[in-house]
């Protein structure tokens, strides 16, 4: 994946770490999850969930990202597995996680999942003032002027 697009993805995702996750072979819809990011792990993200959560069993999965400024969109595929690292659990646990799981990080009903990203497709939107003018006036916008698109590992 192009370095510029990859950098844009991780920066925007860090500012808005929300992703719709779904196990690839499971029926039903994706659900919103808050991603826990580690700057040293550029191909993995983590989640905390109850063991009864529909993605807690792990397996092949897909996630969709749309950042809060609508400047980055991504579809990520990979594998969800339980991560039992006590150190990582402690590093990623914070007050926001505690609000969802008030029994604390040692609650046996809380699982920490690692999503190892195998592949991704990322779109960045950088319309600029001229493109926004075209948008609001109905004039044609050409994709090459609206942002970048890249495939591959993020």
N, C-alpha and C. Protein backbone atom coordinates (compact mmCIF):
# COMPACT_ATOMS: atom_id res chain seq x y z
N UNK A 1 0.85 -1.18 0.00
CA UNK A 1 0.00 0.00 0.00
C UNK A 1 0.89 1.24 0.00
N UNK A 2 0.48 2.25 -0.70
CA UNK A 2 1.18 3.52 -0.76
C UNK A 2 1.39 4.08 0.65
N UNK A 3 2.60 4.53 0.97
CA UNK A 3 2.93 5.03 2.31
C UNK A 3 2.06 6.21 2.73
N UNK A 4 1.75 7.10 1.78
CA UNK A 4 0.95 8.28 2.10
C UNK A 4 -0.47 7.89 2.50
N UNK A 5 -1.06 6.97 1.75
CA UNK A 5 -2.41 6.51 2.07
C UNK A 5 -2.39 5.74 3.39
N UNK A 6 -1.39 4.90 3.58
CA UNK A 6 -1.28 4.13 4.82
C UNK A 6 -1.16 5.08 6.02
N UNK A 7 -0.32 6.09 5.91
CA UNK A 7 -0.15 7.06 7.00
C UNK A 7 -1.46 7.80 7.27
N UNK A 8 -2.13 8.23 6.20
CA UNK A 8 -3.41 8.93 6.35
C UNK A 8 -4.43 8.05 7.07
N UNK A 9 -4.45 6.75 6.70
CA UNK A 9 -5.39 5.83 7.34
C UNK A 9 -5.14 5.76 8.84
N UNK A 10 -3.90 5.46 9.26
CA UNK A 10 -3.62 5.26 10.68
C UNK A 10 -3.81 6.54 11.48
N UNK A 11 -3.47 7.69 10.91
CA UNK A 11 -3.67 8.95 11.62
C UNK A 11 -5.16 9.22 11.83
N UNK A 12 -5.96 9.07 10.78
CA UNK A 12 -7.40 9.31 10.90
C UNK A 12 -8.06 8.28 11.81
N UNK A 13 -7.61 7.03 11.72
CA UNK A 13 -8.19 5.96 12.55
C UNK A 13 -7.86 6.19 14.02
N UNK A 14 -6.67 6.68 14.31
CA UNK A 14 -6.30 6.98 15.70
C UNK A 14 -7.19 8.09 16.27
N UNK A 15 -7.57 9.05 15.43
CA UNK A 15 -8.44 10.15 15.87
C UNK A 15 -9.89 9.72 16.01
N UNK A 16 -10.28 8.66 15.32
CA UNK A 16 -11.65 8.17 15.32
C UNK A 16 -11.61 6.64 15.26
N UNK A 17 -11.26 5.98 16.38
CA UNK A 17 -10.98 4.54 16.36
C UNK A 17 -12.20 3.62 16.43
N UNK A 18 -13.15 3.89 15.57
CA UNK A 18 -14.39 3.09 15.57
C UNK A 18 -14.47 2.30 14.27
N UNK A 19 -14.93 1.06 14.40
CA UNK A 19 -14.95 0.16 13.25
C UNK A 19 -16.17 -0.74 13.37
N UNK A 20 -16.79 -1.04 12.25
CA UNK A 20 -17.89 -2.00 12.22
C UNK A 20 -17.27 -3.37 11.93
N UNK A 21 -17.42 -4.31 12.86
CA UNK A 21 -16.78 -5.63 12.74
C UNK A 21 -17.82 -6.73 12.56
N UNK A 22 -17.43 -7.73 11.77
CA UNK A 22 -18.29 -8.89 11.54
C UNK A 22 -17.41 -10.09 11.22
N UNK A 23 -17.76 -11.23 11.80
CA UNK A 23 -17.09 -12.46 11.41
C UNK A 23 -17.54 -12.81 10.00
N UNK A 24 -16.61 -13.18 9.16
CA UNK A 24 -16.91 -13.39 7.74
C UNK A 24 -17.98 -14.45 7.48
N UNK A 25 -17.96 -15.55 8.23
CA UNK A 25 -18.90 -16.64 7.98
C UNK A 25 -20.14 -16.60 8.87
N UNK A 26 -20.28 -15.57 9.68
CA UNK A 26 -21.41 -15.51 10.61
C UNK A 26 -22.60 -14.81 9.96
N UNK A 27 -23.80 -15.27 10.29
CA UNK A 27 -24.99 -14.55 9.80
C UNK A 27 -25.15 -13.24 10.56
N UNK A 28 -25.99 -12.40 10.06
CA UNK A 28 -26.28 -11.15 10.76
C UNK A 28 -25.40 -10.00 10.29
N UNK A 29 -25.46 -8.94 11.06
CA UNK A 29 -24.83 -7.69 10.68
C UNK A 29 -23.53 -7.44 11.45
N UNK A 30 -22.79 -6.47 10.97
CA UNK A 30 -21.60 -6.00 11.68
C UNK A 30 -22.05 -5.17 12.88
N UNK A 31 -21.14 -5.01 13.83
CA UNK A 31 -21.45 -4.20 15.00
C UNK A 31 -20.32 -3.21 15.27
N UNK A 32 -20.64 -2.07 15.87
CA UNK A 32 -19.60 -1.08 16.13
C UNK A 32 -18.71 -1.52 17.30
N UNK A 33 -17.42 -1.34 17.11
CA UNK A 33 -16.45 -1.66 18.15
C UNK A 33 -15.46 -0.49 18.24
N UNK A 34 -14.92 -0.29 19.43
CA UNK A 34 -13.88 0.71 19.62
C UNK A 34 -12.54 -0.01 19.55
N UNK A 35 -11.72 0.40 18.60
CA UNK A 35 -10.42 -0.22 18.41
C UNK A 35 -9.41 0.37 19.38
N UNK A 36 -8.58 -0.49 19.93
CA UNK A 36 -7.47 -0.08 20.78
C UNK A 36 -6.24 -0.20 19.90
N UNK A 37 -5.50 0.89 19.75
CA UNK A 37 -4.37 0.91 18.83
C UNK A 37 -3.04 0.93 19.58
N UNK A 38 -2.05 0.32 18.97
CA UNK A 38 -0.69 0.32 19.47
C UNK A 38 0.18 0.82 18.31
N UNK A 39 0.85 1.95 18.50
CA UNK A 39 1.64 2.55 17.42
C UNK A 39 2.73 1.62 16.89
N UNK A 40 3.16 0.67 17.69
CA UNK A 40 4.20 -0.26 17.27
C UNK A 40 3.64 -1.43 16.46
N UNK A 41 2.33 -1.62 16.50
CA UNK A 41 1.70 -2.77 15.82
C UNK A 41 0.84 -2.25 14.67
N UNK A 42 1.44 -2.05 13.52
CA UNK A 42 0.73 -1.41 12.42
C UNK A 42 -0.19 -2.34 11.64
N UNK A 43 -0.22 -3.60 11.96
CA UNK A 43 -1.12 -4.51 11.24
C UNK A 43 -2.08 -5.22 12.18
N UNK A 44 -2.22 -4.72 13.40
CA UNK A 44 -3.12 -5.32 14.38
C UNK A 44 -3.83 -4.24 15.17
N UNK A 45 -5.07 -4.54 15.55
CA UNK A 45 -5.83 -3.70 16.47
C UNK A 45 -6.51 -4.61 17.48
N UNK A 46 -6.89 -4.05 18.61
CA UNK A 46 -7.48 -4.85 19.69
C UNK A 46 -8.85 -4.32 20.07
N UNK A 47 -9.64 -5.22 20.65
CA UNK A 47 -10.98 -4.88 21.15
C UNK A 47 -11.18 -5.58 22.48
N UNK A 48 -11.99 -5.00 23.33
CA UNK A 48 -12.48 -5.68 24.51
C UNK A 48 -13.96 -5.98 24.27
N UNK A 49 -14.39 -7.17 24.65
CA UNK A 49 -15.78 -7.58 24.46
C UNK A 49 -16.16 -8.59 25.52
N UNK A 50 -17.44 -8.78 25.70
CA UNK A 50 -17.91 -9.86 26.58
C UNK A 50 -17.75 -11.18 25.82
N UNK A 51 -17.55 -12.24 26.55
CA UNK A 51 -17.38 -13.56 25.91
C UNK A 51 -18.63 -13.96 25.12
N UNK A 52 -19.77 -13.39 25.47
CA UNK A 52 -21.02 -13.70 24.76
C UNK A 52 -21.19 -12.86 23.49
N UNK A 53 -20.30 -11.93 23.23
CA UNK A 53 -20.39 -11.07 22.04
C UNK A 53 -20.28 -11.91 20.78
N UNK A 54 -20.98 -11.51 19.73
CA UNK A 54 -21.02 -12.29 18.48
C UNK A 54 -19.67 -12.44 17.80
N UNK A 55 -18.70 -11.57 18.08
CA UNK A 55 -17.38 -11.73 17.45
C UNK A 55 -16.35 -12.38 18.38
N UNK A 56 -16.74 -12.65 19.63
CA UNK A 56 -15.80 -13.14 20.62
C UNK A 56 -15.19 -14.50 20.28
N UNK A 57 -15.89 -15.30 19.50
CA UNK A 57 -15.37 -16.61 19.12
C UNK A 57 -14.21 -16.54 18.16
N UNK A 58 -14.03 -15.39 17.53
CA UNK A 58 -12.91 -15.19 16.62
C UNK A 58 -13.09 -15.88 15.28
N UNK A 59 -12.07 -15.77 14.45
CA UNK A 59 -12.08 -16.34 13.11
C UNK A 59 -11.85 -15.27 12.07
N UNK A 60 -12.04 -15.64 10.82
CA UNK A 60 -11.91 -14.68 9.73
C UNK A 60 -12.95 -13.57 9.92
N UNK A 61 -12.51 -12.33 9.71
CA UNK A 61 -13.40 -11.20 9.98
C UNK A 61 -13.14 -10.07 9.00
N UNK A 62 -14.10 -9.15 8.98
CA UNK A 62 -13.98 -7.97 8.14
C UNK A 62 -14.46 -6.77 8.94
N UNK A 63 -13.77 -5.65 8.74
CA UNK A 63 -14.14 -4.42 9.42
C UNK A 63 -14.20 -3.26 8.45
N UNK A 64 -15.16 -2.36 8.68
CA UNK A 64 -15.30 -1.17 7.85
C UNK A 64 -15.09 0.07 8.72
N UNK A 65 -14.31 1.00 8.19
CA UNK A 65 -13.96 2.23 8.90
C UNK A 65 -14.43 3.43 8.08
N UNK A 66 -15.04 4.39 8.74
CA UNK A 66 -15.34 5.69 8.15
C UNK A 66 -15.01 6.70 9.24
N UNK A 67 -13.96 7.47 9.07
CA UNK A 67 -13.51 8.36 10.13
C UNK A 67 -14.44 9.55 10.29
N UNK A 68 -14.34 10.20 11.45
CA UNK A 68 -15.30 11.24 11.80
C UNK A 68 -15.31 12.42 10.84
N UNK A 69 -14.22 12.72 10.20
CA UNK A 69 -14.20 13.81 9.24
C UNK A 69 -14.57 13.37 7.84
N UNK A 70 -14.93 12.10 7.70
CA UNK A 70 -15.25 11.51 6.40
C UNK A 70 -14.14 11.72 5.39
N UNK A 71 -12.91 11.72 5.90
CA UNK A 71 -11.77 11.89 5.01
C UNK A 71 -11.05 10.58 4.71
N UNK A 72 -11.38 9.54 5.46
CA UNK A 72 -10.79 8.21 5.21
C UNK A 72 -11.88 7.15 5.35
N UNK A 73 -11.91 6.24 4.38
CA UNK A 73 -12.81 5.10 4.38
C UNK A 73 -11.95 3.86 4.16
N UNK A 74 -12.27 2.77 4.85
CA UNK A 74 -11.46 1.57 4.66
C UNK A 74 -12.29 0.32 4.90
N UNK A 75 -11.89 -0.74 4.22
CA UNK A 75 -12.43 -2.07 4.44
C UNK A 75 -11.23 -2.96 4.73
N UNK A 76 -11.23 -3.61 5.89
CA UNK A 76 -10.10 -4.41 6.33
C UNK A 76 -10.53 -5.86 6.51
N UNK A 77 -9.69 -6.79 6.07
CA UNK A 77 -9.97 -8.20 6.30
C UNK A 77 -8.79 -8.81 7.06
N UNK A 78 -9.12 -9.80 7.88
CA UNK A 78 -8.08 -10.44 8.68
C UNK A 78 -8.67 -11.49 9.58
N UNK A 79 -7.98 -11.74 10.68
CA UNK A 79 -8.38 -12.79 11.61
C UNK A 79 -8.45 -12.25 13.03
N UNK A 80 -9.56 -12.55 13.69
CA UNK A 80 -9.75 -12.21 15.11
C UNK A 80 -9.36 -13.41 15.96
N UNK A 81 -8.52 -13.17 16.97
CA UNK A 81 -8.16 -14.22 17.93
C UNK A 81 -8.13 -13.62 19.33
N UNK A 82 -8.33 -14.47 20.32
CA UNK A 82 -8.23 -14.02 21.69
C UNK A 82 -6.75 -13.77 22.01
N UNK A 83 -6.47 -12.63 22.61
CA UNK A 83 -5.12 -12.28 23.04
C UNK A 83 -5.10 -12.37 24.56
N UNK A 84 -4.30 -13.25 25.10
CA UNK A 84 -4.28 -13.48 26.55
C UNK A 84 -3.11 -12.78 27.25
N UNK A 85 -2.42 -11.91 26.55
CA UNK A 85 -1.28 -11.20 27.14
C UNK A 85 -1.74 -10.28 28.27
N UNK A 86 -1.31 -10.59 29.49
CA UNK A 86 -1.66 -9.78 30.65
C UNK A 86 -1.06 -8.38 30.53
N UNK A 87 0.16 -8.30 30.00
CA UNK A 87 0.82 -7.01 29.83
C UNK A 87 0.06 -6.13 28.85
N UNK A 88 -0.28 -6.68 27.69
CA UNK A 88 -1.01 -5.88 26.68
C UNK A 88 -2.37 -5.48 27.23
N UNK A 89 -3.06 -6.38 27.92
CA UNK A 89 -4.37 -6.07 28.49
C UNK A 89 -4.25 -4.87 29.44
N UNK A 90 -3.23 -4.88 30.26
CA UNK A 90 -3.00 -3.76 31.18
C UNK A 90 -2.67 -2.47 30.45
N UNK A 91 -1.88 -2.57 29.38
CA UNK A 91 -1.48 -1.39 28.60
C UNK A 91 -2.68 -0.76 27.88
N UNK A 92 -3.59 -1.59 27.39
CA UNK A 92 -4.71 -1.08 26.59
C UNK A 92 -5.94 -0.70 27.44
N UNK A 93 -6.03 -1.24 28.65
CA UNK A 93 -7.17 -0.95 29.51
C UNK A 93 -7.15 0.52 29.90
N UNK A 94 -8.30 1.20 29.83
CA UNK A 94 -8.38 2.61 30.21
C UNK A 94 -9.76 2.90 30.80
N UNK A 95 -9.99 4.15 31.17
CA UNK A 95 -11.26 4.53 31.79
C UNK A 95 -12.45 4.30 30.88
N UNK A 96 -12.28 4.51 29.58
CA UNK A 96 -13.39 4.30 28.64
C UNK A 96 -13.77 2.82 28.59
N UNK A 97 -12.78 1.94 28.61
CA UNK A 97 -13.05 0.50 28.63
C UNK A 97 -13.72 0.12 29.95
N UNK A 98 -13.20 0.67 31.03
CA UNK A 98 -13.75 0.40 32.36
C UNK A 98 -15.23 0.79 32.44
N UNK A 99 -15.62 1.85 31.74
CA UNK A 99 -17.03 2.27 31.75
C UNK A 99 -17.94 1.19 31.18
N UNK A 100 -17.45 0.42 30.20
CA UNK A 100 -18.24 -0.65 29.61
C UNK A 100 -18.15 -1.94 30.42
N UNK A 101 -17.04 -2.10 31.13
CA UNK A 101 -16.80 -3.34 31.88
C UNK A 101 -16.41 -2.98 33.31
N UNK A 102 -17.40 -2.58 34.12
CA UNK A 102 -17.13 -2.06 35.47
C UNK A 102 -16.54 -3.07 36.44
N UNK A 103 -16.56 -4.36 36.10
CA UNK A 103 -15.97 -5.37 37.00
C UNK A 103 -14.44 -5.39 36.88
N UNK A 104 -13.92 -4.61 35.93
CA UNK A 104 -12.47 -4.45 35.82
C UNK A 104 -11.81 -5.37 34.82
N UNK A 105 -10.51 -5.14 34.63
CA UNK A 105 -9.77 -5.86 33.59
C UNK A 105 -9.57 -7.34 33.90
N UNK A 106 -9.80 -7.74 35.14
CA UNK A 106 -9.65 -9.16 35.50
C UNK A 106 -10.97 -9.93 35.44
N UNK A 107 -12.03 -9.27 34.99
CA UNK A 107 -13.33 -9.93 34.86
C UNK A 107 -13.20 -11.08 33.86
N UNK A 108 -13.49 -12.33 34.28
CA UNK A 108 -13.34 -13.47 33.37
C UNK A 108 -14.32 -13.45 32.20
N UNK A 109 -15.36 -12.60 32.28
CA UNK A 109 -16.32 -12.50 31.20
C UNK A 109 -15.86 -11.55 30.09
N UNK A 110 -14.74 -10.85 30.31
CA UNK A 110 -14.23 -9.90 29.33
C UNK A 110 -13.08 -10.54 28.57
N UNK A 111 -13.19 -10.54 27.26
CA UNK A 111 -12.16 -11.10 26.39
C UNK A 111 -11.48 -9.95 25.63
N UNK A 112 -10.17 -10.07 25.47
CA UNK A 112 -9.44 -9.11 24.63
C UNK A 112 -9.17 -9.82 23.31
N UNK A 113 -9.61 -9.20 22.23
CA UNK A 113 -9.46 -9.77 20.89
C UNK A 113 -8.42 -8.97 20.10
N UNK A 114 -7.61 -9.69 19.35
CA UNK A 114 -6.65 -9.05 18.44
C UNK A 114 -7.11 -9.31 17.01
N UNK A 115 -7.20 -8.25 16.23
CA UNK A 115 -7.56 -8.35 14.82
C UNK A 115 -6.29 -8.16 14.01
N UNK A 116 -5.76 -9.25 13.47
CA UNK A 116 -4.58 -9.20 12.62
C UNK A 116 -5.04 -8.94 11.20
N UNK A 117 -4.67 -7.78 10.67
CA UNK A 117 -5.14 -7.33 9.37
C UNK A 117 -4.29 -7.95 8.27
N UNK A 118 -4.94 -8.71 7.40
CA UNK A 118 -4.25 -9.34 6.28
C UNK A 118 -4.22 -8.43 5.06
N UNK A 119 -5.32 -7.71 4.85
CA UNK A 119 -5.47 -6.94 3.63
C UNK A 119 -6.42 -5.78 3.88
N UNK A 120 -6.29 -4.75 3.09
CA UNK A 120 -7.18 -3.61 3.24
C UNK A 120 -7.36 -2.87 1.94
N UNK A 121 -8.41 -2.10 1.89
CA UNK A 121 -8.65 -1.19 0.78
C UNK A 121 -9.01 0.14 1.43
N UNK A 122 -8.28 1.19 1.08
CA UNK A 122 -8.43 2.48 1.73
C UNK A 122 -8.68 3.56 0.69
N UNK A 123 -9.62 4.43 1.02
CA UNK A 123 -9.91 5.61 0.20
C UNK A 123 -9.69 6.82 1.07
N UNK A 124 -9.00 7.81 0.56
CA UNK A 124 -8.87 9.08 1.26
C UNK A 124 -9.62 10.14 0.45
N UNK A 125 -10.29 11.02 1.14
CA UNK A 125 -11.03 12.09 0.47
C UNK A 125 -10.35 13.41 0.78
N UNK A 126 -9.92 14.09 -0.25
CA UNK A 126 -9.28 15.39 -0.10
C UNK A 126 -9.83 16.27 -1.22
N UNK A 127 -11.03 16.71 -1.02
CA UNK A 127 -11.74 17.40 -2.09
C UNK A 127 -11.21 18.81 -2.35
N UNK A 128 -10.79 19.53 -1.37
CA UNK A 128 -10.34 20.89 -1.57
C UNK A 128 -11.51 21.80 -1.90
N UNK A 129 -11.26 23.08 -1.84
CA UNK A 129 -12.31 24.08 -2.03
C UNK A 129 -12.93 24.01 -3.43
N UNK A 130 -12.11 23.82 -4.45
CA UNK A 130 -12.62 23.76 -5.83
C UNK A 130 -13.55 22.56 -6.01
N UNK A 131 -13.17 21.41 -5.46
CA UNK A 131 -14.00 20.21 -5.60
C UNK A 131 -15.29 20.34 -4.79
N UNK A 132 -15.23 20.96 -3.61
CA UNK A 132 -16.44 21.18 -2.80
C UNK A 132 -17.40 22.10 -3.56
N UNK A 133 -16.87 23.13 -4.21
CA UNK A 133 -17.71 24.02 -5.02
C UNK A 133 -18.43 23.23 -6.11
N UNK A 134 -17.68 22.35 -6.80
CA UNK A 134 -18.29 21.52 -7.84
C UNK A 134 -19.39 20.65 -7.25
N UNK A 135 -19.13 20.11 -6.07
CA UNK A 135 -20.10 19.23 -5.41
C UNK A 135 -21.41 19.96 -5.13
N UNK A 136 -21.31 21.15 -4.56
CA UNK A 136 -22.54 21.85 -4.18
C UNK A 136 -23.24 22.49 -5.36
N UNK A 137 -22.54 22.67 -6.48
CA UNK A 137 -23.18 23.25 -7.66
C UNK A 137 -23.56 22.21 -8.71
N UNK A 138 -23.26 20.94 -8.42
CA UNK A 138 -23.65 19.87 -9.34
C UNK A 138 -22.74 19.71 -10.54
N UNK A 139 -21.58 20.31 -10.52
CA UNK A 139 -20.63 20.16 -11.63
C UNK A 139 -19.89 18.83 -11.47
N UNK A 140 -19.43 18.25 -12.56
CA UNK A 140 -18.76 16.94 -12.49
C UNK A 140 -17.48 16.97 -11.64
N UNK A 141 -17.34 15.93 -10.83
CA UNK A 141 -16.12 15.72 -10.05
C UNK A 141 -15.46 14.46 -10.58
N UNK A 142 -14.18 14.54 -10.85
CA UNK A 142 -13.43 13.38 -11.34
C UNK A 142 -12.71 12.73 -10.16
N UNK A 143 -12.80 11.42 -10.07
CA UNK A 143 -12.23 10.67 -8.95
C UNK A 143 -10.77 11.01 -8.70
N UNK A 144 -10.01 11.23 -9.75
CA UNK A 144 -8.58 11.52 -9.59
C UNK A 144 -8.34 12.81 -8.82
N UNK A 145 -9.33 13.68 -8.75
CA UNK A 145 -9.19 14.95 -8.03
C UNK A 145 -9.82 14.92 -6.64
N UNK A 146 -10.41 13.81 -6.27
CA UNK A 146 -11.17 13.74 -5.03
C UNK A 146 -10.43 13.04 -3.89
N UNK A 147 -9.27 12.46 -4.14
CA UNK A 147 -8.53 11.77 -3.09
C UNK A 147 -7.72 10.63 -3.68
N UNK A 148 -7.30 9.72 -2.81
CA UNK A 148 -6.47 8.61 -3.24
C UNK A 148 -7.13 7.29 -2.86
N UNK A 149 -6.67 6.22 -3.49
CA UNK A 149 -7.22 4.88 -3.26
C UNK A 149 -6.05 3.91 -3.31
N UNK A 150 -6.02 2.97 -2.36
CA UNK A 150 -4.92 2.01 -2.35
C UNK A 150 -5.40 0.67 -1.81
N UNK A 151 -4.77 -0.39 -2.30
CA UNK A 151 -5.03 -1.75 -1.84
C UNK A 151 -3.78 -2.31 -1.20
N UNK A 152 -3.96 -3.23 -0.25
CA UNK A 152 -2.83 -3.92 0.35
C UNK A 152 -2.84 -3.81 1.86
N UNK A 153 -1.79 -4.32 2.46
CA UNK A 153 -1.68 -4.30 3.92
C UNK A 153 -1.57 -2.87 4.43
N UNK A 154 -2.33 -2.57 5.45
CA UNK A 154 -2.27 -1.24 6.03
C UNK A 154 -1.21 -1.22 7.10
